[in-house]
């Protein structure tokens, strides 16, 4: 998360007598100081109240709405923005979505935070905030920054819950939350969300649903069937994932083995077994579990081949490791985790130049990837 405090660049002032927001006059409460955003070009101490612009005031108002939730004048600040920029929500939403698509996550987060601060009751804003935080978490996880990813997942869940608790219920909130929980391997919650989505849309005709709505309904039913048929909402499966992901691998392995006794052909369970074994460095046993996962349907999952490659690398079976990573790369060619592991494989084989190329490629996709940057620095220092 961004460690800087955005409020540090905001000044609270009483507006100069000659200042006006627009040609249409509206009353300004002179007793309430207004926040003004310092210009990027201003050096410390250069702030001049006589030279402020409307844009600086609007930026200051939005910054306070985003980051100073306890400010007693928030409603007054919202009223000013509404009068000066009545279409501000549409403008900010379009800008935030564009920044997210361009992976300018820092600025997108600032805009989404301002949007939510401006209208915290708007369900569309709440759901967009959840989707953004969900995507930001995934980005951090791909970079190997798991603590940041977990923090953003927690924030995303809080916004999904706000959207799902709305009245009247918002069907899309449950659909998107279902995939959020699916990503976290919380299959029981995911199933509940998709079942609720179908219940909320069951009375709508195909014409009312539209092509996208029909697809969502079919996709929701498909996920429900997969979870039910594989029994992944079973308590042993859920406990196993939670225990292994929290560092209690041995206890988690006991749980997933109980699950496998009754569900021997669920590939996700074999993957979970392999993941736990790999984490405690039982690479040979983990390898066998991942091969079982591939046999029972995990052959189209990038993570299965990636995890299997790590076992082969530890066993110094570099040819098989390369085959696995190549397969994983074919499934997800822009997954920087796979490209990084190709770099580590090259290092294990003593090919520093090839490793350098892979880590450089990671940084082309993700300039903020600290792991790839650290490996490149090591390679430079070794020369």
Protein backbone atom coordinates (compact mmCIF):
# COMPACT_ATOMS: atom_id res chain seq x y z
CA UNK A 1 0.00 0.00 0.00
CA UNK A 2 1.04 3.57 -0.58
CA UNK A 3 2.98 4.71 2.53
CA UNK A 4 2.70 8.43 1.71
CA UNK A 5 -0.01 10.51 3.35
CA UNK A 6 -1.91 12.40 0.60
CA UNK A 7 -3.19 14.91 3.14
CA UNK A 8 0.33 16.28 3.60
CA UNK A 9 -0.01 18.19 0.31
CA UNK A 10 -3.31 19.83 1.29
CA UNK A 11 -3.58 23.29 2.89
CA UNK A 12 -6.69 24.57 4.68
CA UNK A 13 -7.31 28.24 3.97
CA UNK A 14 -9.97 30.91 3.88
CA UNK A 15 -10.52 31.80 0.25
CA UNK A 16 -9.33 35.22 -1.01
CA UNK A 17 -12.06 37.83 -1.49
CA UNK A 18 -11.67 37.83 -5.28
CA UNK A 19 -11.95 34.04 -5.64
CA UNK A 20 -15.00 32.49 -7.34
CA UNK A 21 -15.80 28.93 -8.40
CA UNK A 22 -17.87 29.83 -11.45
CA UNK A 23 -19.91 32.53 -13.11
CA UNK A 24 -22.91 31.35 -11.12
CA UNK A 25 -22.59 32.68 -7.60
CA UNK A 26 -23.53 30.43 -4.67
CA UNK A 27 -23.04 31.07 -0.97
CA UNK A 28 -19.67 30.17 0.57
CA UNK A 29 -19.41 29.73 4.31
CA UNK A 30 -16.44 31.95 5.15
CA UNK A 31 -16.14 30.39 8.61
CA UNK A 32 -15.13 27.00 7.18
CA UNK A 33 -11.60 26.76 5.73
CA UNK A 34 -11.39 24.94 2.42
CA UNK A 35 -8.74 22.36 1.53
CA UNK A 36 -6.47 23.34 -1.37
CA UNK A 37 -4.13 20.92 -3.15
CA UNK A 38 -0.58 22.21 -3.46
CA UNK A 39 0.73 22.42 -7.02
CA UNK A 40 3.12 19.64 -8.00
CA UNK A 41 5.59 22.28 -9.19
CA UNK A 42 5.55 24.18 -5.87
CA UNK A 43 8.56 23.84 -3.62
CA UNK A 44 8.07 23.76 0.18
CA UNK A 45 7.10 27.23 1.33
CA UNK A 46 6.01 28.41 -2.14
CA UNK A 47 2.25 28.12 -1.53
CA UNK A 48 0.53 31.42 -2.38
CA UNK A 49 -3.18 31.70 -1.44
CA UNK A 50 -3.62 34.56 -3.94
CA UNK A 51 -2.74 32.30 -6.88
CA UNK A 52 -4.94 29.26 -6.19
CA UNK A 53 -7.16 27.84 -8.94
CA UNK A 54 -10.56 26.18 -8.91
CA UNK A 55 -8.87 22.87 -9.84
CA UNK A 56 -6.63 23.09 -6.77
CA UNK A 57 -9.64 23.56 -4.52
CA UNK A 58 -11.54 20.69 -6.14
CA UNK A 59 -8.49 18.44 -5.85
CA UNK A 60 -8.13 19.40 -2.18
CA UNK A 61 -11.81 18.71 -1.52
CA UNK A 62 -11.60 15.29 -3.15
CA UNK A 63 -8.41 14.42 -1.25
CA UNK A 64 -10.09 15.22 2.06
CA UNK A 65 -13.18 13.21 1.10
CA UNK A 66 -10.94 10.27 0.23
CA UNK A 67 -8.55 10.26 3.18
CA UNK A 68 -10.00 12.30 6.05
CA UNK A 69 -13.17 10.38 6.93
CA UNK A 70 -13.55 12.10 10.32
CA UNK A 71 -13.47 15.66 9.00
CA UNK A 72 -16.59 17.41 10.36
CA UNK A 73 -17.18 19.37 7.14
CA UNK A 74 -17.46 16.50 4.66
CA UNK A 75 -21.10 17.17 3.76
CA UNK A 76 -20.32 20.83 3.10
CA UNK A 77 -17.36 19.90 0.90
CA UNK A 78 -19.56 17.46 -1.06
CA UNK A 79 -22.14 20.20 -1.64
CA UNK A 80 -19.50 22.48 -3.16
CA UNK A 81 -18.26 19.79 -5.55
CA UNK A 82 -21.83 18.95 -6.58
CA UNK A 83 -22.50 22.59 -7.47
CA UNK A 84 -19.20 23.18 -9.25
CA UNK A 85 -18.92 19.81 -11.04
CA UNK A 86 -22.34 18.10 -11.19
CA UNK A 87 -20.96 15.35 -13.48
CA UNK A 88 -17.95 14.63 -11.27
CA UNK A 89 -18.94 11.00 -10.53
CA UNK A 90 -19.08 10.05 -14.20
CA UNK A 91 -15.78 11.82 -14.92
CA UNK A 92 -13.96 10.19 -12.02
CA UNK A 93 -15.39 6.73 -12.66
CA UNK A 94 -14.29 6.79 -16.31
CA UNK A 95 -10.85 8.03 -15.29
CA UNK A 96 -10.45 5.37 -12.58
CA UNK A 97 -11.45 2.53 -14.90
CA UNK A 98 -9.06 3.79 -17.59
CA UNK A 99 -6.18 4.01 -15.09
CA UNK A 100 -6.93 0.49 -13.89
CA UNK A 101 -6.91 -0.87 -17.46
CA UNK A 102 -3.54 0.85 -17.97
CA UNK A 103 -2.33 -0.70 -14.68
CA UNK A 104 -1.69 2.71 -13.15
CA UNK A 105 -2.92 1.33 -9.86
CA UNK A 106 -1.67 4.09 -7.55
CA UNK A 107 -3.59 6.82 -9.36
CA UNK A 108 -6.61 4.58 -9.89
CA UNK A 109 -6.75 3.94 -6.14
CA UNK A 110 -6.65 7.66 -5.39
CA UNK A 111 -9.53 8.29 -7.80
CA UNK A 112 -11.63 5.40 -6.49
CA UNK A 113 -11.03 6.57 -2.91
CA UNK A 114 -12.16 10.07 -3.88
CA UNK A 115 -15.26 8.65 -5.58
CA UNK A 116 -16.19 6.63 -2.51
CA UNK A 117 -15.56 9.60 -0.26
CA UNK A 118 -17.78 11.76 -2.45
CA UNK A 119 -20.72 9.33 -2.42
CA UNK A 120 -20.24 6.41 0.00
CA UNK A 121 -23.85 5.23 -0.53
CA UNK A 122 -23.60 4.75 -4.30
CA UNK A 123 -23.79 0.98 -4.93
CA UNK A 124 -22.06 1.22 -8.30
CA UNK A 125 -19.10 2.96 -6.65
CA UNK A 126 -19.01 0.39 -3.83
CA UNK A 127 -18.96 -2.53 -6.27
CA UNK A 128 -16.36 -0.86 -8.51
CA UNK A 129 -14.23 -0.26 -5.41
CA UNK A 130 -14.48 -3.96 -4.51
CA UNK A 131 -13.52 -5.00 -8.04
CA UNK A 132 -10.56 -2.63 -8.09
CA UNK A 133 -9.22 -3.78 -4.70
CA UNK A 134 -9.69 -7.39 -5.81
CA UNK A 135 -7.63 -6.72 -8.95
CA UNK A 136 -5.00 -4.80 -6.98
CA UNK A 137 -4.63 -7.76 -4.61
CA UNK A 138 -4.12 -10.09 -7.54
CA UNK A 139 -1.45 -7.78 -8.95
CA UNK A 140 0.42 -7.78 -5.63
CA UNK A 141 0.16 -11.57 -5.41
CA UNK A 142 1.64 -11.94 -8.90
CA UNK A 143 4.52 -9.75 -7.74
CA UNK A 144 5.14 -12.04 -4.78
CA UNK A 145 4.01 -9.35 -2.29
CA UNK A 146 1.71 -11.62 -0.34
CA UNK A 147 1.18 -9.44 2.74
CA UNK A 148 0.02 -6.54 0.57
CA UNK A 149 -2.16 -8.91 -1.44
CA UNK A 150 -3.82 -10.23 1.73
CA UNK A 151 -4.45 -6.68 2.97
CA UNK A 152 -6.12 -5.66 -0.28
CA UNK A 153 -8.16 -8.87 -0.32
CA UNK A 154 -9.45 -8.00 3.14
CA UNK A 155 -10.44 -4.52 1.96
CA UNK A 156 -12.05 -5.96 -1.18
CA UNK A 157 -14.11 -8.38 0.90
CA UNK A 158 -15.41 -5.54 3.08
CA UNK A 159 -16.66 -3.71 -0.03
CA UNK A 160 -18.18 -6.88 -1.53
CA UNK A 161 -20.05 -7.41 1.74
CA UNK A 162 -21.34 -3.82 1.65
CA UNK A 163 -22.59 -4.37 -1.90
CA UNK A 164 -24.20 -7.73 -1.05
CA UNK A 165 -25.93 -6.31 2.03
CA UNK A 166 -27.61 -3.57 0.01
CA UNK A 167 -31.36 -3.23 -0.28
CA UNK A 168 -32.71 -3.97 -2.80
CA UNK A 169 -30.10 -6.70 -3.46
CA UNK A 170 -27.65 -6.14 -6.31
CA UNK A 171 -27.29 -9.35 -8.33
CA UNK A 172 -23.93 -8.44 -9.88
CA UNK A 173 -22.45 -7.97 -6.42
CA UNK A 174 -23.04 -11.67 -5.68
CA UNK A 175 -21.73 -12.76 -9.09
CA UNK A 176 -18.45 -10.87 -8.70
CA UNK A 177 -18.08 -11.80 -5.04
CA UNK A 178 -18.47 -15.44 -6.07
CA UNK A 179 -15.34 -15.25 -8.20
CA UNK A 180 -13.55 -13.36 -5.44
CA UNK A 181 -14.18 -16.21 -2.99
CA UNK A 182 -13.35 -18.77 -5.69
CA UNK A 183 -9.93 -17.13 -6.08
CA UNK A 184 -9.38 -17.45 -2.33
CA UNK A 185 -10.42 -21.14 -2.41
CA UNK A 186 -13.36 -20.32 -0.15
CA UNK A 187 -15.66 -22.61 -2.07
CA UNK A 188 -18.56 -22.62 0.37
CA UNK A 189 -18.85 -18.82 0.27
CA UNK A 190 -18.40 -18.84 -3.51
CA UNK A 191 -21.19 -21.37 -3.94
CA UNK A 192 -23.51 -19.34 -1.70
CA UNK A 193 -22.84 -16.20 -3.76
CA UNK A 194 -23.52 -17.90 -7.10
CA UNK A 195 -26.68 -19.55 -5.78
CA UNK A 196 -27.91 -16.16 -4.59
CA UNK A 197 -27.11 -14.65 -7.99
CA UNK A 198 -29.19 -17.30 -9.74
CA UNK A 199 -32.04 -16.83 -7.25
CA UNK A 200 -32.06 -13.08 -7.88
CA UNK A 201 -32.16 -13.51 -11.66
CA UNK A 202 -34.39 -16.61 -11.95
CA UNK A 203 -37.53 -14.63 -12.79
CA UNK A 204 -35.89 -12.62 -15.58
CA UNK A 205 -36.49 -13.65 -19.18
CA UNK A 206 -33.62 -14.16 -21.60
CA UNK A 207 -34.60 -10.89 -23.26
CA UNK A 208 -34.39 -9.06 -19.94
CA UNK A 209 -31.08 -10.73 -19.07
CA UNK A 210 -29.47 -10.01 -22.43
CA UNK A 211 -26.51 -11.92 -23.84
CA UNK A 212 -24.20 -10.97 -20.97
CA UNK A 213 -26.78 -11.86 -18.34
CA UNK A 214 -27.41 -15.27 -19.92
CA UNK A 215 -23.66 -15.94 -19.93
CA UNK A 216 -23.36 -14.95 -16.26
CA UNK A 217 -26.23 -17.20 -15.25
CA UNK A 218 -24.78 -20.18 -17.14
CA UNK A 219 -21.32 -19.49 -15.71
CA UNK A 220 -22.68 -19.28 -12.17
CA UNK A 221 -24.46 -22.61 -12.58
CA UNK A 222 -21.30 -24.17 -14.02
CA UNK A 223 -19.24 -23.11 -10.99
CA UNK A 224 -21.91 -24.36 -8.59
CA UNK A 225 -21.94 -27.73 -10.35
CA UNK A 226 -18.14 -27.98 -10.25
CA UNK A 227 -18.02 -27.21 -6.53
CA UNK A 228 -20.87 -29.62 -5.76
CA UNK A 229 -19.61 -32.47 -7.93
CA UNK A 230 -16.10 -32.17 -6.48
CA UNK A 231 -17.41 -31.66 -2.95
CA UNK A 232 -15.04 -28.68 -2.54
CA UNK A 233 -17.30 -26.98 -0.02
CA UNK A 234 -16.56 -29.88 2.32
CA UNK A 235 -15.31 -28.80 5.75
CA UNK A 236 -12.11 -30.88 5.47
CA UNK A 237 -11.18 -29.23 2.18
CA UNK A 238 -11.85 -25.75 3.57
CA UNK A 239 -9.90 -26.45 6.75
CA UNK A 240 -6.98 -27.85 4.76
CA UNK A 241 -6.61 -24.73 2.66
CA UNK A 242 -6.87 -22.38 5.63
CA UNK A 243 -4.33 -24.36 7.67
CA UNK A 244 -1.77 -24.72 4.88
CA UNK A 245 -2.03 -21.08 3.80
CA UNK A 246 -1.54 -19.95 7.42
CA UNK A 247 1.66 -21.99 7.85
CA UNK A 248 0.16 -25.00 9.65
CA UNK A 249 1.05 -27.40 6.87
CA UNK A 250 1.11 -30.67 8.83
CA UNK A 251 -2.38 -30.11 10.22
CA UNK A 252 -3.62 -29.05 6.80
CA UNK A 253 -2.17 -32.16 5.19
CA UNK A 254 -4.04 -34.33 7.69
CA UNK A 255 -7.30 -32.61 6.71
CA UNK A 256 -6.80 -32.93 2.94
CA UNK A 257 -5.86 -36.61 3.27
CA UNK A 258 -9.18 -37.26 5.04
CA UNK A 259 -10.95 -35.44 2.20
CA UNK A 260 -9.11 -37.51 -0.44
CA UNK A 261 -10.19 -40.77 1.19
CA UNK A 262 -13.76 -39.99 0.13
CA UNK A 263 -12.96 -37.86 -2.94
CA UNK A 264 -9.94 -39.53 -4.62
CA UNK A 265 -10.46 -37.96 -8.06
CA UNK A 266 -10.74 -34.26 -7.16
CA UNK A 267 -7.73 -32.62 -8.80
CA UNK A 268 -7.92 -29.53 -6.58
CA UNK A 269 -7.45 -31.73 -3.53
CA UNK A 270 -4.35 -33.37 -5.02
CA UNK A 271 -3.05 -29.90 -5.85
CA UNK A 272 -3.64 -28.81 -2.26
CA UNK A 273 -1.82 -31.90 -0.98
CA UNK A 274 1.12 -31.18 -3.29
CA UNK A 275 1.20 -27.51 -2.30
CA UNK A 276 1.38 -28.39 1.39
CA UNK A 277 4.09 -31.00 0.81
CA UNK A 278 6.12 -28.63 -1.35
CA UNK A 279 5.98 -25.95 1.35
CA UNK A 280 7.58 -28.35 3.87
CA UNK A 281 10.18 -29.36 1.25
CA UNK A 282 8.94 -32.90 0.66
CA UNK A 283 9.52 -32.44 -3.04
CA UNK A 284 9.30 -36.06 -4.21
CA UNK A 285 5.95 -36.60 -2.48
CA UNK A 286 4.70 -33.21 -3.69
CA UNK A 287 5.66 -34.11 -7.27
CA UNK A 288 3.53 -37.26 -7.14
CA UNK A 289 0.57 -35.27 -5.81
CA UNK A 290 0.83 -32.69 -8.61
CA UNK A 291 1.01 -35.47 -11.20
CA UNK A 292 -2.21 -36.87 -9.72
CA UNK A 293 -3.75 -33.39 -9.99
CA UNK A 294 -2.89 -33.31 -13.70
CA UNK A 295 -4.27 -36.84 -14.19
CA UNK A 296 -7.63 -35.93 -12.63
CA UNK A 297 -8.31 -32.68 -14.50
CA UNK A 298 -5.77 -30.07 -13.42
CA UNK A 299 -4.01 -30.22 -16.79
CA UNK A 300 -5.36 -26.83 -17.86
CA UNK A 301 -4.25 -25.06 -14.68
CA UNK A 302 -1.11 -22.94 -14.89
CA UNK A 303 -0.36 -23.19 -11.15
CA UNK A 304 -0.27 -27.00 -11.25
CA UNK A 305 2.57 -27.02 -13.78
CA UNK A 306 4.33 -24.16 -12.03
CA UNK A 307 4.32 -25.96 -8.68
CA UNK A 308 5.40 -29.21 -10.32
CA UNK A 309 8.33 -27.40 -11.96
CA UNK A 310 9.58 -26.26 -8.54
CA UNK A 311 9.74 -29.89 -7.42
CA UNK A 312 11.70 -30.89 -10.53
CA UNK A 313 14.12 -27.99 -10.01
CA UNK A 314 14.82 -29.19 -6.45
CA UNK A 315 15.47 -32.68 -7.81
CA UNK A 316 17.73 -31.12 -10.49
CA UNK A 317 15.58 -32.62 -13.23
CA UNK A 318 15.87 -29.46 -15.29
CA UNK A 319 14.46 -30.91 -18.53
CA UNK A 320 11.17 -31.84 -16.85
CA UNK A 321 11.10 -28.50 -15.05
CA UNK A 322 11.47 -26.70 -18.38
CA UNK A 323 8.63 -28.77 -19.89
CA UNK A 324 6.34 -27.84 -16.99
CA UNK A 325 7.15 -24.14 -17.13
CA UNK A 326 6.73 -24.11 -20.90
CA UNK A 327 3.29 -25.68 -20.49
CA UNK A 328 2.38 -23.17 -17.79
CA UNK A 329 3.58 -20.33 -20.03
CA UNK A 330 1.39 -21.61 -22.89
CA UNK A 331 -1.63 -21.46 -20.59
CA UNK A 332 -0.83 -17.96 -19.22
CA UNK A 333 1.83 -16.27 -21.39
CA UNK A 334 1.80 -13.02 -19.41
CA UNK A 335 2.04 -14.56 -15.95
CA UNK A 336 5.16 -12.96 -14.48
CA UNK A 337 5.43 -15.67 -11.81
CA UNK A 338 6.06 -18.23 -14.56
CA UNK A 339 8.58 -15.98 -16.30
CA UNK A 340 10.41 -15.44 -13.00
CA UNK A 341 10.59 -19.18 -12.41
CA UNK A 342 12.05 -19.62 -15.89
CA UNK A 343 14.71 -17.19 -14.67
CA UNK A 344 15.33 -19.27 -11.56
CA UNK A 345 15.56 -22.40 -13.70
CA UNK A 346 18.18 -20.70 -15.86
CA UNK A 347 20.11 -19.76 -12.71
CA UNK A 348 19.96 -23.36 -11.48
CA UNK A 349 21.43 -24.42 -14.82
CA UNK A 350 24.17 -21.81 -14.55
CA UNK A 351 22.93 -19.71 -17.51
CA UNK A 352 23.12 -16.19 -16.05
CA UNK A 353 22.47 -14.41 -19.34
CA UNK A 354 19.26 -16.31 -19.97
CA UNK A 355 18.20 -15.65 -16.35
CA UNK A 356 18.91 -11.96 -16.86
CA UNK A 357 16.70 -11.95 -19.95
CA UNK A 358 13.80 -13.58 -18.10
CA UNK A 359 13.98 -11.22 -15.11
CA UNK A 360 14.21 -8.23 -17.47
CA UNK A 361 11.08 -9.47 -19.24
CA UNK A 362 9.27 -9.61 -15.91
CA UNK A 363 10.14 -5.96 -15.31
CA UNK A 364 8.82 -5.03 -18.74
CA UNK A 365 5.42 -6.42 -17.68
CA UNK A 366 5.65 -5.34 -14.04
CA UNK A 367 8.14 -2.49 -13.45
CA UNK A 368 7.46 -2.71 -9.69
CA UNK A 369 8.36 -6.40 -9.36
CA UNK A 370 10.81 -6.26 -6.46
CA UNK A 371 11.85 -9.92 -6.71
CA UNK A 372 12.91 -9.68 -10.37
CA UNK A 373 14.67 -6.37 -9.69
CA UNK A 374 16.57 -7.92 -6.76
CA UNK A 375 17.68 -10.88 -8.88
CA UNK A 376 18.93 -8.58 -11.64
CA UNK A 377 20.87 -6.55 -9.06
CA UNK A 378 22.49 -9.75 -7.74
CA UNK A 379 23.49 -10.72 -11.27
CA UNK A 380 25.04 -7.30 -11.86
CA UNK A 381 26.97 -7.47 -8.58
CA UNK A 382 28.29 -10.94 -9.43
CA UNK A 383 29.89 -9.70 -12.66
